[in-house]
């Protein structure tokens, strides 16, 4: 699977789109909640990268759980800014990153811990 394989660094964070929506006047966002989410997602990607080649499902899921719980806290501390569209974007990003890291699933792996 070489050539067209996407790397974890190539994924576009949902916060990129959120920044555009903020600029267009979407009031659920502010620079602080976008930046905080960015930091949580960057830590998730960096943790997946540190797992190296062929990590175990349990190792990947450990970081999925971590990122979901971190986003739960971030959402609670920022007036519950994650709504339906943001939830879908975050879930897609988290699942896609886990798949790139080696987890093969199409299921919503965030659901056991997700409060948003």
PDB file of N, CA and C in Angstrom:
ATOM      1  N   UNK A   1       0.816  -1.201   0.000  1.00  0.00           N
ATOM      2  CA  UNK A   1       0.000   0.000   0.000  1.00  0.00           C
ATOM      3  C   UNK A   1       0.856   1.259   0.000  1.00  0.00           C
ATOM      4  N   UNK A   2       1.764   1.356  -0.883  1.00  0.00           N
ATOM      5  CA  UNK A   2       2.574   2.570  -0.931  1.00  0.00           C
ATOM      6  C   UNK A   2       2.038   3.493  -2.011  1.00  0.00           C
ATOM      7  N   UNK A   3       2.642   4.628  -2.139  1.00  0.00           N
ATOM      8  CA  UNK A   3       2.228   5.580  -3.151  1.00  0.00           C
ATOM      9  C   UNK A   3       1.118   6.487  -2.669  1.00  0.00           C
ATOM     10  N   UNK A   4      -0.113   5.975  -2.639  1.00  0.00           N
ATOM     11  CA  UNK A   4      -1.255   6.794  -2.297  1.00  0.00           C
ATOM     12  C   UNK A   4      -1.633   6.766  -0.833  1.00  0.00           C
ATOM     13  N   UNK A   5      -0.804   6.151  -0.017  1.00  0.00           N
ATOM     14  CA  UNK A   5      -1.148   6.029   1.407  1.00  0.00           C
ATOM     15  C   UNK A   5      -1.089   7.389   2.101  1.00  0.00           C
ATOM     16  N   UNK A   6      -2.115   7.682   2.860  1.00  0.00           N
ATOM     17  CA  UNK A   6      -2.208   8.948   3.591  1.00  0.00           C
ATOM     18  C   UNK A   6      -1.473   8.786   4.921  1.00  0.00           C
ATOM     19  N   UNK A   7      -0.722   9.805   5.292  1.00  0.00           N
ATOM     20  CA  UNK A   7      -0.055   9.748   6.583  1.00  0.00           C
ATOM     21  C   UNK A   7      -0.867  10.529   7.607  1.00  0.00           C
ATOM     22  N   UNK A   8      -0.577  10.293   8.867  1.00  0.00           N
ATOM     23  CA  UNK A   8      -1.274  11.003   9.938  1.00  0.00           C
ATOM     24  C   UNK A   8      -1.074  12.512   9.832  1.00  0.00           C
ATOM     25  N   UNK A   9       0.080  12.913   9.332  1.00  0.00           N
ATOM     26  CA  UNK A   9       0.361  14.349   9.189  1.00  0.00           C
ATOM     27  C   UNK A   9      -0.475  14.998   8.086  1.00  0.00           C
ATOM     28  N   UNK A  10      -0.992  14.175   7.158  1.00  0.00           N
ATOM     29  CA  UNK A  10      -1.756  14.699   6.029  1.00  0.00           C
ATOM     30  C   UNK A  10      -3.214  14.991   6.364  1.00  0.00           C
ATOM     31  N   UNK A  11      -3.695  14.467   7.478  1.00  0.00           N
ATOM     32  CA  UNK A  11      -5.102  14.661   7.841  1.00  0.00           C
ATOM     33  C   UNK A  11      -5.383  16.127   8.160  1.00  0.00           C
ATOM     34  N   UNK A  12      -6.492  16.614   7.658  1.00  0.00           N
ATOM     35  CA  UNK A  12      -6.901  17.991   7.954  1.00  0.00           C
ATOM     36  C   UNK A  12      -7.793  17.977   9.182  1.00  0.00           C
ATOM     37  N   UNK A  13      -7.359  18.676  10.202  1.00  0.00           N
ATOM     38  CA  UNK A  13      -8.136  18.744  11.444  1.00  0.00           C
ATOM     39  C   UNK A  13      -9.460  19.464  11.195  1.00  0.00           C
ATOM     40  N   UNK A  14     -10.513  19.039  11.881  1.00  0.00           N
ATOM     41  CA  UNK A  14     -11.788  19.737  11.749  1.00  0.00           C
ATOM     42  C   UNK A  14     -11.680  21.215  12.141  1.00  0.00           C
ATOM     43  N   UNK A  15     -10.712  21.535  12.977  1.00  0.00           N
ATOM     44  CA  UNK A  15     -10.557  22.914  13.433  1.00  0.00           C
ATOM     45  C   UNK A  15     -10.193  23.862  12.288  1.00  0.00           C
ATOM     46  N   UNK A  16      -9.647  23.318  11.213  1.00  0.00           N
ATOM     47  CA  UNK A  16      -9.353  24.146  10.040  1.00  0.00           C
ATOM     48  C   UNK A  16     -10.657  24.734   9.492  1.00  0.00           C
ATOM     49  N   UNK A  17     -11.667  23.867   9.363  1.00  0.00           N
ATOM     50  CA  UNK A  17     -12.984  24.311   8.900  1.00  0.00           C
ATOM     51  C   UNK A  17     -13.668  25.204   9.944  1.00  0.00           C
ATOM     52  N   UNK A  18     -13.460  24.875  11.204  1.00  0.00           N
ATOM     53  CA  UNK A  18     -14.073  25.680  12.274  1.00  0.00           C
ATOM     54  C   UNK A  18     -13.584  27.115  12.226  1.00  0.00           C
ATOM     55  N   UNK A  19     -12.298  27.287  11.917  1.00  0.00           N
ATOM     56  CA  UNK A  19     -11.728  28.635  11.824  1.00  0.00           C
ATOM     57  C   UNK A  19     -12.435  29.430  10.731  1.00  0.00           C
ATOM     58  N   UNK A  20     -12.728  28.768   9.615  1.00  0.00           N
ATOM     59  CA  UNK A  20     -13.464  29.425   8.529  1.00  0.00           C
ATOM     60  C   UNK A  20     -14.872  29.785   8.968  1.00  0.00           C
ATOM     61  N   UNK A  21     -15.510  28.875   9.677  1.00  0.00           N
ATOM     62  CA  UNK A  21     -16.880  29.143  10.133  1.00  0.00           C
ATOM     63  C   UNK A  21     -16.901  30.274  11.167  1.00  0.00           C
ATOM     64  N   UNK A  22     -15.870  30.330  12.018  1.00  0.00           N
ATOM     65  CA  UNK A  22     -15.755  31.442  12.973  1.00  0.00           C
ATOM     66  C   UNK A  22     -15.638  32.761  12.206  1.00  0.00           C
ATOM     67  N   UNK A  23     -14.799  32.782  11.182  1.00  0.00           N
ATOM     68  CA  UNK A  23     -14.612  33.995  10.381  1.00  0.00           C
ATOM     69  C   UNK A  23     -15.907  34.402   9.680  1.00  0.00           C
ATOM     70  N   UNK A  24     -16.754  33.409   9.378  1.00  0.00           N
ATOM     71  CA  UNK A  24     -18.049  33.678   8.736  1.00  0.00           C
ATOM     72  C   UNK A  24     -19.132  34.049   9.739  1.00  0.00           C
ATOM     73  N   UNK A  25     -18.764  34.126  11.033  1.00  0.00           N
ATOM     74  CA  UNK A  25     -19.704  34.586  12.044  1.00  0.00           C
ATOM     75  C   UNK A  25     -20.354  33.490  12.879  1.00  0.00           C
ATOM     76  N   UNK A  26     -19.887  32.249  12.759  1.00  0.00           N
ATOM     77  CA  UNK A  26     -20.448  31.163  13.574  1.00  0.00           C
ATOM     78  C   UNK A  26     -20.043  31.401  15.022  1.00  0.00           C
ATOM     79  N   UNK A  27     -21.019  31.679  15.868  1.00  0.00           N
ATOM     80  CA  UNK A  27     -20.751  32.124  17.233  1.00  0.00           C
ATOM     81  C   UNK A  27     -20.492  31.005  18.232  1.00  0.00           C
ATOM     82  N   UNK A  28     -20.568  29.732  17.810  1.00  0.00           N
ATOM     83  CA  UNK A  28     -20.246  28.670  18.773  1.00  0.00           C
ATOM     84  C   UNK A  28     -18.742  28.526  18.944  1.00  0.00           C
ATOM     85  N   UNK A  29     -17.996  29.117  18.015  1.00  0.00           N
ATOM     86  CA  UNK A  29     -16.544  29.028  18.083  1.00  0.00           C
ATOM     87  C   UNK A  29     -15.936  30.321  18.599  1.00  0.00           C
ATOM     88  N   UNK A  30     -14.753  30.167  19.188  1.00  0.00           N
ATOM     89  CA  UNK A  30     -13.908  31.304  19.506  1.00  0.00           C
ATOM     90  C   UNK A  30     -12.471  30.815  19.375  1.00  0.00           C
ATOM     91  N   UNK A  31     -11.523  31.739  19.297  1.00  0.00           N
ATOM     92  CA  UNK A  31     -10.131  31.300  19.118  1.00  0.00           C
ATOM     93  C   UNK A  31      -9.661  30.331  20.208  1.00  0.00           C
ATOM     94  N   UNK A  32     -10.156  30.486  21.413  1.00  0.00           N
ATOM     95  CA  UNK A  32      -9.706  29.631  22.521  1.00  0.00           C
ATOM     96  C   UNK A  32     -10.189  28.186  22.370  1.00  0.00           C
ATOM     97  N   UNK A  33     -11.490  27.988  22.041  1.00  0.00           N
ATOM     98  CA  UNK A  33     -11.945  26.610  21.930  1.00  0.00           C
ATOM     99  C   UNK A  33     -11.380  25.921  20.691  1.00  0.00           C
ATOM    100  N   UNK A  34     -11.114  26.680  19.647  1.00  0.00           N
ATOM    101  CA  UNK A  34     -10.482  26.102  18.463  1.00  0.00           C
ATOM    102  C   UNK A  34      -9.038  25.714  18.775  1.00  0.00           C
ATOM    103  N   UNK A  35      -8.298  26.600  19.411  1.00  0.00           N
ATOM    104  CA  UNK A  35      -6.892  26.319  19.741  1.00  0.00           C
ATOM    105  C   UNK A  35      -6.784  25.151  20.723  1.00  0.00           C
ATOM    106  N   UNK A  36      -7.656  25.106  21.712  1.00  0.00           N
ATOM    107  CA  UNK A  36      -7.636  24.002  22.677  1.00  0.00           C
ATOM    108  C   UNK A  36      -7.921  22.671  21.993  1.00  0.00           C
ATOM    109  N   UNK A  37      -8.874  22.668  21.084  1.00  0.00           N
ATOM    110  CA  UNK A  37      -9.187  21.448  20.342  1.00  0.00           C
ATOM    111  C   UNK A  37      -8.007  21.051  19.467  1.00  0.00           C
ATOM    112  N   UNK A  38      -7.387  22.023  18.832  1.00  0.00           N
ATOM    113  CA  UNK A  38      -6.205  21.756  18.010  1.00  0.00           C
ATOM    114  C   UNK A  38      -5.124  21.045  18.812  1.00  0.00           C
ATOM    115  N   UNK A  39      -4.851  21.536  20.012  1.00  0.00           N
ATOM    116  CA  UNK A  39      -3.809  20.947  20.855  1.00  0.00           C
ATOM    117  C   UNK A  39      -4.137  19.505  21.231  1.00  0.00           C
ATOM    118  N   UNK A  40      -5.411  19.239  21.543  1.00  0.00           N
ATOM    119  CA  UNK A  40      -5.832  17.881  21.901  1.00  0.00           C
ATOM    120  C   UNK A  40      -5.663  16.955  20.696  1.00  0.00           C
ATOM    121  N   UNK A  41      -6.058  17.417  19.517  1.00  0.00           N
ATOM    122  CA  UNK A  41      -5.946  16.588  18.312  1.00  0.00           C
ATOM    123  C   UNK A  41      -4.485  16.375  17.913  1.00  0.00           C
ATOM    124  N   UNK A  42      -3.654  17.378  18.089  1.00  0.00           N
ATOM    125  CA  UNK A  42      -2.226  17.223  17.793  1.00  0.00           C
ATOM    126  C   UNK A  42      -1.591  16.198  18.730  1.00  0.00           C
ATOM    127  N   UNK A  43      -1.953  16.227  19.997  1.00  0.00           N
ATOM    128  CA  UNK A  43      -1.432  15.245  20.949  1.00  0.00           C
ATOM    129  C   UNK A  43      -1.872  13.834  20.545  1.00  0.00           C
ATOM    130  N   UNK A  44      -3.105  13.682  20.098  1.00  0.00           N
ATOM    131  CA  UNK A  44      -3.623  12.394  19.636  1.00  0.00           C
ATOM    132  C   UNK A  44      -2.791  11.873  18.465  1.00  0.00           C
ATOM    133  N   UNK A  45      -2.572  12.713  17.470  1.00  0.00           N
ATOM    134  CA  UNK A  45      -1.782  12.307  16.298  1.00  0.00           C
ATOM    135  C   UNK A  45      -0.357  11.954  16.710  1.00  0.00           C
ATOM    136  N   UNK A  46       0.255  12.769  17.538  1.00  0.00           N
ATOM    137  CA  UNK A  46       1.624  12.496  17.985  1.00  0.00           C
ATOM    138  C   UNK A  46       1.708  11.181  18.761  1.00  0.00           C
ATOM    139  N   UNK A  47       0.702  10.895  19.583  1.00  0.00           N
ATOM    140  CA  UNK A  47       0.686   9.632  20.323  1.00  0.00           C
ATOM    141  C   UNK A  47       0.553   8.442  19.385  1.00  0.00           C
ATOM    142  N   UNK A  48      -0.287   8.580  18.351  1.00  0.00           N
ATOM    143  CA  UNK A  48      -0.429   7.490  17.375  1.00  0.00           C
ATOM    144  C   UNK A  48       0.875   7.276  16.611  1.00  0.00           C
ATOM    145  N   UNK A  49       1.538   8.354  16.267  1.00  0.00           N
ATOM    146  CA  UNK A  49       2.815   8.248  15.543  1.00  0.00           C
ATOM    147  C   UNK A  49       3.855   7.528  16.400  1.00  0.00           C
ATOM    148  N   UNK A  50       3.878   7.838  17.691  1.00  0.00           N
ATOM    149  CA  UNK A  50       4.849   7.216  18.602  1.00  0.00           C
ATOM    150  C   UNK A  50       4.656   5.704  18.712  1.00  0.00           C
ATOM    151  N   UNK A  51       3.468   5.213  18.371  1.00  0.00           N
ATOM    152  CA  UNK A  51       3.228   3.767  18.428  1.00  0.00           C
ATOM    153  C   UNK A  51       4.032   3.017  17.376  1.00  0.00           C
ATOM    154  N   UNK A  52       4.443   3.714  16.328  1.00  0.00           N
ATOM    155  CA  UNK A  52       5.257   3.085  15.297  1.00  0.00           C
ATOM    156  C   UNK A  52       4.431   2.215  14.356  1.00  0.00           C
ATOM    157  N   UNK A  53       5.111   1.283  13.714  1.00  0.00           N
ATOM    158  CA  UNK A  53       4.493   0.416  12.723  1.00  0.00           C
ATOM    159  C   UNK A  53       3.811  -0.762  13.410  1.00  0.00           C
ATOM    160  N   UNK A  54       2.638  -1.114  12.924  1.00  0.00           N
ATOM    161  CA  UNK A  54       1.878  -2.276  13.412  1.00  0.00           C
ATOM    162  C   UNK A  54       1.568  -2.268  14.908  1.00  0.00           C
ATOM    163  N   UNK A  55       1.005  -1.197  15.408  1.00  0.00           N
ATOM    164  CA  UNK A  55       0.624  -1.201  16.825  1.00  0.00           C
ATOM    165  C   UNK A  55      -0.566  -2.137  17.055  1.00  0.00           C
ATOM    166  N   UNK A  56      -0.723  -2.547  18.280  1.00  0.00           N
ATOM    167  CA  UNK A  56      -1.853  -3.396  18.645  1.00  0.00           C
ATOM    168  C   UNK A  56      -3.124  -2.538  18.748  1.00  0.00           C
ATOM    169  N   UNK A  57      -4.270  -3.183  18.519  1.00  0.00           N
ATOM    170  CA  UNK A  57      -5.554  -2.488  18.616  1.00  0.00           C
ATOM    171  C   UNK A  57      -5.698  -1.826  19.984  1.00  0.00           C
ATOM    172  N   UNK A  58      -5.298  -2.545  21.033  1.00  0.00           N
ATOM    173  CA  UNK A  58      -5.407  -2.024  22.398  1.00  0.00           C
ATOM    174  C   UNK A  58      -4.623  -0.725  22.564  1.00  0.00           C
ATOM    175  N   UNK A  59      -3.447  -0.643  21.934  1.00  0.00           N
ATOM    176  CA  UNK A  59      -2.627   0.570  22.033  1.00  0.00           C
ATOM    177  C   UNK A  59      -3.291   1.757  21.340  1.00  0.00           C
ATOM    178  N   UNK A  60      -3.838   1.514  20.164  1.00  0.00           N
ATOM    179  CA  UNK A  60      -4.529   2.584  19.433  1.00  0.00           C
ATOM    180  C   UNK A  60      -5.758   3.039  20.217  1.00  0.00           C
ATOM    181  N   UNK A  61      -6.531   2.071  20.713  1.00  0.00           N
ATOM    182  CA  UNK A  61      -7.764   2.400  21.430  1.00  0.00           C
ATOM    183  C   UNK A  61      -7.485   3.162  22.725  1.00  0.00           C
ATOM    184  N   UNK A  62      -6.333   2.942  23.327  1.00  0.00           N
ATOM    185  CA  UNK A  62      -5.948   3.710  24.511  1.00  0.00           C
ATOM    186  C   UNK A  62      -5.923   5.209  24.180  1.00  0.00           C
ATOM    187  N   UNK A  63      -5.350   5.547  23.030  1.00  0.00           N
ATOM    188  CA  UNK A  63      -5.255   6.957  22.647  1.00  0.00           C
ATOM    189  C   UNK A  63      -6.576   7.498  22.114  1.00  0.00           C
ATOM    190  N   UNK A  64      -7.404   6.625  21.527  1.00  0.00           N
ATOM    191  CA  UNK A  64      -8.750   7.050  21.135  1.00  0.00           C
ATOM    192  C   UNK A  64      -9.527   7.458  22.394  1.00  0.00           C
ATOM    193  N   UNK A  65      -9.460   6.616  23.403  1.00  0.00           N
ATOM    194  CA  UNK A  65     -10.140   6.923  24.662  1.00  0.00           C
ATOM    195  C   UNK A  65      -9.620   8.232  25.241  1.00  0.00           C
ATOM    196  N   UNK A  66      -8.303   8.407  25.261  1.00  0.00           N
ATOM    197  CA  UNK A  66      -7.705   9.641  25.792  1.00  0.00           C
ATOM    198  C   UNK A  66      -8.211  10.889  25.076  1.00  0.00           C
ATOM    199  N   UNK A  67      -8.225  10.850  23.745  1.00  0.00           N
ATOM    200  CA  UNK A  67      -8.626  12.043  22.994  1.00  0.00           C
ATOM    201  C   UNK A  67     -10.111  12.330  23.205  1.00  0.00           C
ATOM    202  N   UNK A  68     -10.936  11.301  23.255  1.00  0.00           N
ATOM    203  CA  UNK A  68     -12.373  11.517  23.463  1.00  0.00           C
ATOM    204  C   UNK A  68     -12.638  12.113  24.839  1.00  0.00           C
ATOM    205  N   UNK A  69     -11.986  11.589  25.861  1.00  0.00           N
ATOM    206  CA  UNK A  69     -12.166  12.122  27.215  1.00  0.00           C
ATOM    207  C   UNK A  69     -11.654  13.553  27.302  1.00  0.00           C
ATOM    208  N   UNK A  70     -10.547  13.843  26.646  1.00  0.00           N
ATOM    209  CA  UNK A  70     -10.030  15.220  26.625  1.00  0.00           C
ATOM    210  C   UNK A  70     -11.009  16.166  25.947  1.00  0.00           C
ATOM    211  N   UNK A  71     -11.631  15.712  24.863  1.00  0.00           N
ATOM    212  CA  UNK A  71     -12.607  16.555  24.168  1.00  0.00           C
ATOM    213  C   UNK A  71     -13.871  16.718  25.017  1.00  0.00           C
ATOM    214  N   UNK A  72     -14.252  15.667  25.744  1.00  0.00           N
ATOM    215  CA  UNK A  72     -15.385  15.797  26.669  1.00  0.00           C
ATOM    216  C   UNK A  72     -15.146  16.960  27.627  1.00  0.00           C
ATOM    217  N   UNK A  73     -13.961  16.973  28.240  1.00  0.00           N
ATOM    218  CA  UNK A  73     -13.617  18.012  29.215  1.00  0.00           C
ATOM    219  C   UNK A  73     -13.558  19.386  28.563  1.00  0.00           C
ATOM    220  N   UNK A  74     -12.960  19.438  27.394  1.00  0.00           N
ATOM    221  CA  UNK A  74     -12.843  20.700  26.668  1.00  0.00           C
ATOM    222  C   UNK A  74     -14.221  21.241  26.319  1.00  0.00           C
ATOM    223  N   UNK A  75     -15.104  20.375  25.869  1.00  0.00           N
ATOM    224  CA  UNK A  75     -16.462  20.790  25.513  1.00  0.00           C
ATOM    225  C   UNK A  75     -17.212  21.318  26.734  1.00  0.00           C
ATOM    226  N   UNK A  76     -17.085  20.606  27.851  1.00  0.00           N
ATOM    227  CA  UNK A  76     -17.750  21.024  29.087  1.00  0.00           C
ATOM    228  C   UNK A  76     -17.217  22.371  29.568  1.00  0.00           C
ATOM    229  N   UNK A  77     -15.914  22.560  29.463  1.00  0.00           N
ATOM    230  CA  UNK A  77     -15.295  23.796  29.943  1.00  0.00           C
ATOM    231  C   UNK A  77     -15.483  24.982  29.001  1.00  0.00           C
ATOM    232  N   UNK A  78     -16.031  24.738  27.819  1.00  0.00           N
ATOM    233  CA  UNK A  78     -16.223  25.795  26.818  1.00  0.00           C
ATOM    234  C   UNK A  78     -17.681  25.891  26.384  1.00  0.00           C
ATOM    235  N   UNK A  79     -18.581  25.782  27.348  1.00  0.00           N
ATOM    236  CA  UNK A  79     -20.016  26.000  27.104  1.00  0.00           C
ATOM    237  C   UNK A  79     -20.613  25.079  26.051  1.00  0.00           C
ATOM    238  N   UNK A  80     -20.125  23.849  25.969  1.00  0.00           N
ATOM    239  CA  UNK A  80     -20.713  22.832  25.100  1.00  0.00           C
ATOM    240  C   UNK A  80     -20.854  23.313  23.657  1.00  0.00           C
ATOM    241  N   UNK A  81     -19.712  23.659  23.069  1.00  0.00           N
ATOM    242  CA  UNK A  81     -19.702  24.188  21.707  1.00  0.00           C
ATOM    243  C   UNK A  81     -19.754  23.102  20.635  1.00  0.00           C
ATOM    244  N   UNK A  82     -19.602  21.854  21.015  1.00  0.00           N
ATOM    245  CA  UNK A  82     -19.623  20.779  20.024  1.00  0.00           C
ATOM    246  C   UNK A  82     -21.073  20.353  19.798  1.00  0.00           C
ATOM    247  N   UNK A  83     -21.536  20.648  18.597  1.00  0.00           N
ATOM    248  CA  UNK A  83     -22.892  20.285  18.209  1.00  0.00           C
ATOM    249  C   UNK A  83     -22.817  19.171  17.164  1.00  0.00           C
ATOM    250  N   UNK A  84     -23.911  18.887  16.491  1.00  0.00           N
ATOM    251  CA  UNK A  84     -23.984  17.735  15.589  1.00  0.00           C
ATOM    252  C   UNK A  84     -22.893  17.734  14.525  1.00  0.00           C
ATOM    253  N   UNK A  85     -22.731  18.826  13.810  1.00  0.00           N
ATOM    254  CA  UNK A  85     -21.746  18.871  12.734  1.00  0.00           C
ATOM    255  C   UNK A  85     -20.332  18.696  13.280  1.00  0.00           C
ATOM    256  N   UNK A  86     -20.042  19.356  14.375  1.00  0.00           N
ATOM    257  CA  UNK A  86     -18.707  19.256  14.972  1.00  0.00           C
ATOM    258  C   UNK A  86     -18.449  17.834  15.473  1.00  0.00           C
ATOM    259  N   UNK A  87     -19.462  17.213  16.053  1.00  0.00           N
ATOM    260  CA  UNK A  87     -19.328  15.836  16.528  1.00  0.00           C
ATOM    261  C   UNK A  87     -18.982  14.918  15.357  1.00  0.00           C
ATOM    262  N   UNK A  88     -19.703  15.062  14.262  1.00  0.00           N
ATOM    263  CA  UNK A  88     -19.449  14.221  13.093  1.00  0.00           C
ATOM    264  C   UNK A  88     -18.045  14.445  12.551  1.00  0.00           C
ATOM    265  N   UNK A  89     -17.610  15.698  12.504  1.00  0.00           N
ATOM    266  CA  UNK A  89     -16.265  16.007  12.000  1.00  0.00           C
ATOM    267  C   UNK A  89     -15.194  15.423  12.913  1.00  0.00           C
ATOM    268  N   UNK A  90     -15.366  15.560  14.214  1.00  0.00           N
ATOM    269  CA  UNK A  90     -14.394  15.017  15.164  1.00  0.00           C
ATOM    270  C   UNK A  90     -14.348  13.495  15.101  1.00  0.00           C
ATOM    271  N   UNK A  91     -15.503  12.865  15.069  1.00  0.00           N
ATOM    272  CA  UNK A  91     -15.545  11.396  15.001  1.00  0.00           C
ATOM    273  C   UNK A  91     -14.847  10.899  13.737  1.00  0.00           C
ATOM    274  N   UNK A  92     -15.156  11.520  12.611  1.00  0.00           N
ATOM    275  CA  UNK A  92     -14.533  11.119  11.349  1.00  0.00           C
ATOM    276  C   UNK A  92     -13.008  11.249  11.436  1.00  0.00           C
ATOM    277  N   UNK A  93     -12.544  12.344  11.987  1.00  0.00           N
ATOM    278  CA  UNK A  93     -11.105  12.589  12.115  1.00  0.00           C
ATOM    279  C   UNK A  93     -10.450  11.547  13.028  1.00  0.00           C
ATOM    280  N   UNK A  94     -11.041  11.303  14.178  1.00  0.00           N
ATOM    281  CA  UNK A  94     -10.475  10.356  15.149  1.00  0.00           C
ATOM    282  C   UNK A  94     -10.443   8.947  14.564  1.00  0.00           C
ATOM    283  N   UNK A  95     -11.513   8.545  13.912  1.00  0.00           N
ATOM    284  CA  UNK A  95     -11.584   7.207  13.310  1.00  0.00           C
ATOM    285  C   UNK A  95     -10.603   7.084  12.155  1.00  0.00           C
ATOM    286  N   UNK A  96     -10.543   8.093  11.313  1.00  0.00           N
ATOM    287  CA  UNK A  96      -9.629   8.061  10.173  1.00  0.00           C
ATOM    288  C   UNK A  96      -8.178   7.968  10.651  1.00  0.00           C
ATOM    289  N   UNK A  97      -7.823   8.724  11.666  1.00  0.00           N
ATOM    290  CA  UNK A  97      -6.461   8.668  12.202  1.00  0.00           C
ATOM    291  C   UNK A  97      -6.166   7.281  12.775  1.00  0.00           C
ATOM    292  N   UNK A  98      -7.111   6.706  13.494  1.00  0.00           N
ATOM    293  CA  UNK A  98      -6.924   5.364  14.062  1.00  0.00           C
ATOM    294  C   UNK A  98      -6.735   4.334  12.947  1.00  0.00           C
ATOM    295  N   UNK A  99      -7.493   4.480  11.861  1.00  0.00           N
ATOM    296  CA  UNK A  99      -7.346   3.568  10.722  1.00  0.00           C
ATOM    297  C   UNK A  99      -5.976   3.698  10.075  1.00  0.00           C
ATOM    298  N   UNK A 100      -5.510   4.919   9.902  1.00  0.00           N
ATOM    299  CA  UNK A 100      -4.178   5.136   9.321  1.00  0.00           C
ATOM    300  C   UNK A 100      -3.111   4.522  10.221  1.00  0.00           C
ATOM    301  N   UNK A 101      -3.318   4.629  11.536  1.00  0.00           N
ATOM    302  CA  UNK A 101      -2.351   4.071  12.495  1.00  0.00           C
ATOM    303  C   UNK A 101      -2.354   2.541  12.492  1.00  0.00           C
ATOM    304  N   UNK A 102      -3.411   1.930  11.940  1.00  0.00           N
ATOM    305  CA  UNK A 102      -3.424   0.477  11.847  1.00  0.00           C
ATOM    306  C   UNK A 102      -4.696  -0.207  12.314  1.00  0.00           C
ATOM    307  N   UNK A 103      -5.642   0.549  12.844  1.00  0.00           N
ATOM    308  CA  UNK A 103      -6.904  -0.033  13.290  1.00  0.00           C
ATOM    309  C   UNK A 103      -7.834  -0.131  12.084  1.00  0.00           C
ATOM    310  N   UNK A 104      -8.361  -1.303  11.829  1.00  0.00           N
ATOM    311  CA  UNK A 104      -9.263  -1.473  10.690  1.00  0.00           C
ATOM    312  C   UNK A 104     -10.695  -1.562  11.182  1.00  0.00           C
ATOM    313  N   UNK A 105     -11.407  -0.436  11.109  1.00  0.00           N
ATOM    314  CA  UNK A 105     -12.795  -0.414  11.550  1.00  0.00           C
ATOM    315  C   UNK A 105     -13.552   0.711  10.859  1.00  0.00           C
ATOM    316  N   UNK A 106     -14.828   0.510  10.721  1.00  0.00           N
ATOM    317  CA  UNK A 106     -15.710   1.575  10.231  1.00  0.00           C
ATOM    318  C   UNK A 106     -16.698   1.963  11.317  1.00  0.00           C
ATOM    319  N   UNK A 107     -16.582   1.351  12.468  1.00  0.00           N
ATOM    320  CA  UNK A 107     -17.472   1.626  13.588  1.00  0.00           C
ATOM    321  C   UNK A 107     -17.101   2.941  14.261  1.00  0.00           C
ATOM    322  N   UNK A 108     -18.048   3.487  15.010  1.00  0.00           N
ATOM    323  CA  UNK A 108     -17.777   4.697  15.784  1.00  0.00           C
ATOM    324  C   UNK A 108     -17.059   4.282  17.069  1.00  0.00           C
ATOM    325  N   UNK A 109     -15.754   4.314  17.024  1.00  0.00           N
ATOM    326  CA  UNK A 109     -14.929   3.879  18.156  1.00  0.00           C
ATOM    327  C   UNK A 109     -14.901   4.906  19.277  1.00  0.00           C
ATOM    328  N   UNK A 110     -15.505   6.081  19.058  1.00  0.00           N
ATOM    329  CA  UNK A 110     -15.528   7.124  20.091  1.00  0.00           C
ATOM    330  C   UNK A 110     -16.711   6.957  21.040  1.00  0.00           C
ATOM    331  N   UNK A 111     -17.716   6.219  20.613  1.00  0.00           N
ATOM    332  CA  UNK A 111     -18.989   6.171  21.330  1.00  0.00           C
ATOM    333  C   UNK A 111     -18.913   5.726  22.793  1.00  0.00           C
ATOM    334  N   UNK A 112     -18.075   4.746  23.142  1.00  0.00           N
ATOM    335  CA  UNK A 112     -18.069   4.322  24.550  1.00  0.00           C
ATOM    336  C   UNK A 112     -17.737   5.428  25.558  1.00  0.00           C
ATOM    337  N   UNK A 113     -17.001   6.456  25.120  1.00  0.00           N
ATOM    338  CA  UNK A 113     -16.565   7.503  26.044  1.00  0.00           C
ATOM    339  C   UNK A 113     -17.135   8.874  25.719  1.00  0.00           C
ATOM    340  N   UNK A 114     -17.707   9.015  24.544  1.00  0.00           N
ATOM    341  CA  UNK A 114     -18.105  10.334  24.039  1.00  0.00           C
ATOM    342  C   UNK A 114     -19.328  10.878  24.745  1.00  0.00           C
ATOM    343  N   UNK A 115     -19.220  12.135  25.189  1.00  0.00           N
ATOM    344  CA  UNK A 115     -20.329  12.852  25.827  1.00  0.00           C
ATOM    345  C   UNK A 115     -20.793  14.032  24.965  1.00  0.00           C
ATOM    346  N   UNK A 116     -20.220  14.191  23.802  1.00  0.00           N
ATOM    347  CA  UNK A 116     -20.565  15.307  22.940  1.00  0.00           C
ATOM    348  C   UNK A 116     -21.284  14.803  21.711  1.00  0.00           C
TER     349      UNK A 116
END
